[in-house]
Protein backbone atom coordinates (compact mmCIF):
# COMPACT_ATOMS: atom_id res chain seq x y z
CA MET A 1 3.32 -30.74 -39.18
CA LYS A 2 3.58 -26.75 -39.18
CA PHE A 3 0.72 -24.69 -37.62
CA LEU A 4 0.22 -20.96 -37.88
CA LEU A 5 -0.69 -19.92 -34.24
CA THR A 6 -2.38 -16.64 -33.30
CA LEU A 7 -1.67 -15.85 -29.57
CA ASN A 8 -3.75 -13.90 -27.42
CA ILE A 9 -0.91 -11.85 -26.02
CA PRO A 10 -0.15 -8.07 -26.20
CA THR A 11 2.33 -6.77 -28.70
CA LYS A 12 4.17 -3.30 -28.60
CA ASN A 13 2.28 -2.28 -31.93
CA GLY A 14 -1.09 -3.57 -30.95
CA MET A 15 -1.08 -6.27 -33.68
CA SER A 16 -1.69 -9.98 -33.30
CA HIS A 17 1.20 -12.05 -32.27
CA MET A 18 1.49 -15.02 -34.73
CA ILE A 19 3.98 -17.77 -34.95
CA VAL A 20 4.69 -20.83 -37.06
CA ALA A 21 5.09 -23.74 -34.92
CA GLU A 22 6.17 -27.18 -35.93
CA HIS A 23 4.76 -30.22 -33.79
CA PRO A 24 4.78 -34.00 -34.49
CA ALA A 25 0.88 -34.10 -34.62
CA LYS A 26 -0.20 -35.27 -38.11
CA SER A 27 -3.37 -33.28 -38.20
CA ILE A 28 -5.06 -30.23 -36.69
CA GLU A 29 -7.36 -32.60 -34.84
CA GLU A 30 -4.45 -34.44 -33.41
CA PHE A 31 -2.85 -31.08 -32.37
CA GLN A 32 -6.11 -30.14 -30.58
CA LYS A 33 -5.94 -33.30 -28.59
CA VAL A 34 -2.49 -32.36 -27.43
CA LEU A 35 -3.71 -28.72 -26.64
CA GLN A 36 -6.46 -30.16 -24.56
CA SER A 37 -4.05 -32.41 -22.53
CA GLU A 38 -1.10 -30.34 -21.72
CA ASP A 39 -0.66 -27.00 -20.10
CA PHE A 40 2.44 -26.16 -22.30
CA ILE A 41 3.26 -27.56 -25.68
CA LEU A 42 6.90 -28.04 -26.85
CA VAL A 43 7.21 -26.90 -30.60
CA GLU A 44 9.84 -25.90 -32.90
CA GLU A 45 9.39 -22.21 -33.79
CA TRP A 46 9.98 -20.93 -37.41
CA GLN A 47 10.55 -17.29 -38.26
CA THR A 48 9.55 -15.84 -41.76
CA GLN A 49 12.67 -14.38 -43.42
CA GLU A 50 13.01 -11.43 -46.01
CA TYR A 51 12.21 -13.45 -49.10
CA GLY A 52 9.58 -15.63 -47.64
CA ASP A 53 11.87 -18.52 -46.60
CA ILE A 54 11.55 -19.73 -42.88
CA LYS A 55 14.25 -20.33 -40.47
CA ASN A 56 14.10 -22.76 -37.57
CA GLU A 57 14.54 -20.80 -34.19
CA GLY A 58 14.54 -23.72 -31.83
CA LYS A 59 12.52 -25.21 -29.21
CA LEU A 60 9.52 -23.10 -27.61
CA LEU A 61 7.08 -23.83 -24.88
CA ILE A 62 3.54 -22.52 -25.59
CA ASN A 63 0.89 -22.19 -22.95
CA HIS A 64 -2.26 -23.44 -24.37
CA ARG A 65 -4.33 -20.82 -22.60
CA PHE A 66 -2.96 -18.06 -24.96
CA VAL A 67 -3.63 -19.83 -28.19
CA GLY A 68 -6.60 -18.01 -30.00
CA LYS A 69 -6.52 -19.50 -33.29
CA ILE A 70 -4.65 -22.14 -35.25
CA ARG A 71 -4.58 -23.21 -38.73
CA VAL A 72 -2.43 -25.49 -40.98
CA TYR A 73 0.65 -23.51 -42.27
CA LYS A 74 0.91 -23.30 -45.93
CA PRO A 75 3.75 -21.21 -47.35
CA ARG A 76 3.12 -18.79 -49.89
């Protein structure tokens, strides 16, 4: 399942750092349990392209302490 994560880390332009992350969790509640049990979560990162398509950027480890907000990703 893909999730939109807002991370509490600084960016160059002062905006929120957001990523689309895919994880085998089947619900946001299941993903919450994973976040509570692991320091680093392995996900597949997806980047939004020019025309709204998303491209797989490979594996990414995320430290759960920097995740500020999560929602299920819904493409526009």
